[in-house]
Amino acid sequence: MKKTILFLLLVINGLMCSFAQTSTGVEMATGLRSSGKIYVVVAVLVLLFVGMTVYLFTIDRKLSRLEKQQDQ
């Protein structure tokens, strides 16, 4: 029952957001695209994502190594 209510609320919220938007486009994205700065933004986001992913994998390996040492 709770899942159904949550699903309906999410659908209603999505519909309200889609009707509230205008079809003129996003001015900031258009400006960034025309000046070529959008590629800088995308590159920074990709670097952050890759960095966080590598960091999480290294922490996972260190934690696994510590767990193996503790079991012995």
C-alpha atoms as a PDB file:
ATOM      1  CA  MET A   1       0.000   0.000   0.000  1.00  0.00           C
ATOM      2  CA  LYS A   2       2.798   2.394   0.910  1.00  0.00           C
ATOM      3  CA  LYS A   3       4.603   1.627  -2.347  1.00  0.00           C
ATOM      4  CA  THR A   4       1.470   2.395  -4.346  1.00  0.00           C
ATOM      5  CA  ILE A   5       0.945   5.717  -2.600  1.00  0.00           C
ATOM      6  CA  LEU A   6       4.601   6.643  -3.048  1.00  0.00           C
ATOM      7  CA  PHE A   7       4.443   5.705  -6.723  1.00  0.00           C
ATOM      8  CA  LEU A   8       1.333   7.817  -7.276  1.00  0.00           C
ATOM      9  CA  LEU A   9       2.906  10.793  -5.518  1.00  0.00           C
ATOM     10  CA  LEU A  10       6.007  10.486  -7.685  1.00  0.00           C
ATOM     11  CA  VAL A  11       3.913  10.303 -10.858  1.00  0.00           C
ATOM     12  CA  ILE A  12       1.873  13.349  -9.829  1.00  0.00           C
ATOM     13  CA  ASN A  13       5.076  15.238  -8.978  1.00  0.00           C
ATOM     14  CA  GLY A  14       6.590  14.328 -12.339  1.00  0.00           C
ATOM     15  CA  LEU A  15       3.495  15.482 -14.193  1.00  0.00           C
ATOM     16  CA  MET A  16       3.402  18.760 -12.304  1.00  0.00           C
ATOM     17  CA  CYS A  17       7.074  19.421 -13.064  1.00  0.00           C
ATOM     18  CA  SER A  18       6.653  18.625 -16.740  1.00  0.00           C
ATOM     19  CA  PHE A  19       3.708  21.007 -17.124  1.00  0.00           C
ATOM     20  CA  ALA A  20       5.461  23.743 -15.158  1.00  0.00           C
ATOM     21  CA  GLN A  21       8.413  23.881 -17.567  1.00  0.00           C
ATOM     22  CA  THR A  22       8.482  26.124 -20.578  1.00  0.00           C
ATOM     23  CA  SER A  23       9.630  25.026 -23.997  1.00  0.00           C
ATOM     24  CA  THR A  24      12.079  27.916 -24.533  1.00  0.00           C
ATOM     25  CA  GLY A  25      15.135  25.941 -23.396  1.00  0.00           C
ATOM     26  CA  VAL A  26      17.773  26.628 -20.808  1.00  0.00           C
ATOM     27  CA  GLU A  27      19.618  29.896 -21.367  1.00  0.00           C
ATOM     28  CA  MET A  28      22.679  28.906 -19.347  1.00  0.00           C
ATOM     29  CA  ALA A  29      23.180  25.681 -21.293  1.00  0.00           C
ATOM     30  CA  THR A  30      22.796  27.498 -24.592  1.00  0.00           C
ATOM     31  CA  GLY A  31      25.353  30.104 -23.551  1.00  0.00           C
ATOM     32  CA  LEU A  32      27.821  27.486 -22.346  1.00  0.00           C
ATOM     33  CA  ARG A  33      27.356  25.461 -25.515  1.00  0.00           C
ATOM     34  CA  SER A  34      27.891  28.440 -27.793  1.00  0.00           C
ATOM     35  CA  SER A  35      31.093  29.519 -26.042  1.00  0.00           C
ATOM     36  CA  GLY A  36      32.447  25.966 -25.772  1.00  0.00           C
ATOM     37  CA  LYS A  37      32.583  26.026 -21.966  1.00  0.00           C
ATOM     38  CA  ILE A  38      30.137  23.137 -21.673  1.00  0.00           C
ATOM     39  CA  TYR A  39      33.005  20.783 -22.492  1.00  0.00           C
ATOM     40  CA  VAL A  40      34.950  22.114 -19.517  1.00  0.00           C
ATOM     41  CA  VAL A  41      31.972  21.500 -17.245  1.00  0.00           C
ATOM     42  CA  VAL A  42      31.531  17.971 -18.583  1.00  0.00           C
ATOM     43  CA  ALA A  43      35.257  17.250 -18.222  1.00  0.00           C
ATOM     44  CA  VAL A  44      35.269  18.411 -14.597  1.00  0.00           C
ATOM     45  CA  LEU A  45      32.232  16.274 -13.794  1.00  0.00           C
ATOM     46  CA  VAL A  46      33.794  13.223 -15.444  1.00  0.00           C
ATOM     47  CA  LEU A  47      37.055  13.758 -13.549  1.00  0.00           C
ATOM     48  CA  LEU A  48      35.179  14.048 -10.253  1.00  0.00           C
ATOM     49  CA  PHE A  49      33.220  10.879 -10.956  1.00  0.00           C
ATOM     50  CA  VAL A  50      36.328   8.921 -11.971  1.00  0.00           C
ATOM     51  CA  GLY A  51      38.247  10.203  -8.955  1.00  0.00           C
ATOM     52  CA  MET A  52      35.487   9.222  -6.540  1.00  0.00           C
ATOM     53  CA  THR A  53      35.168   5.808  -8.182  1.00  0.00           C
ATOM     54  CA  VAL A  54      38.901   5.109  -7.927  1.00  0.00           C
ATOM     55  CA  TYR A  55      38.903   6.310  -4.322  1.00  0.00           C
ATOM     56  CA  LEU A  56      36.016   3.997  -3.405  1.00  0.00           C
ATOM     57  CA  PHE A  57      37.679   0.995  -5.069  1.00  0.00           C
ATOM     58  CA  THR A  58      40.943   1.616  -3.217  1.00  0.00           C
ATOM     59  CA  ILE A  59      39.089   1.884   0.085  1.00  0.00           C
ATOM     60  CA  ASP A  60      37.267  -1.356  -0.717  1.00  0.00           C
ATOM     61  CA  ARG A  61      40.544  -3.165  -1.442  1.00  0.00           C
ATOM     62  CA  LYS A  62      42.137  -1.874   1.766  1.00  0.00           C
ATOM     63  CA  LEU A  63      39.085  -2.909   3.761  1.00  0.00           C
ATOM     64  CA  SER A  64      39.083  -6.368   2.187  1.00  0.00           C
ATOM     65  CA  ARG A  65      42.778  -6.750   3.003  1.00  0.00           C
ATOM     66  CA  LEU A  66      42.153  -5.745   6.628  1.00  0.00           C
ATOM     67  CA  GLU A  67      39.247  -8.190   6.907  1.00  0.00           C
ATOM     68  CA  LYS A  68      41.444 -11.029   5.613  1.00  0.00           C
ATOM     69  CA  GLN A  69      44.167 -10.139   8.116  1.00  0.00           C
ATOM     70  CA  GLN A  70      41.633 -10.070  10.947  1.00  0.00           C
ATOM     71  CA  ASP A  71      40.286 -13.523  10.028  1.00  0.00           C
ATOM     72  CA  GLN A  72      43.746 -15.126  10.172  1.00  0.00           C
END
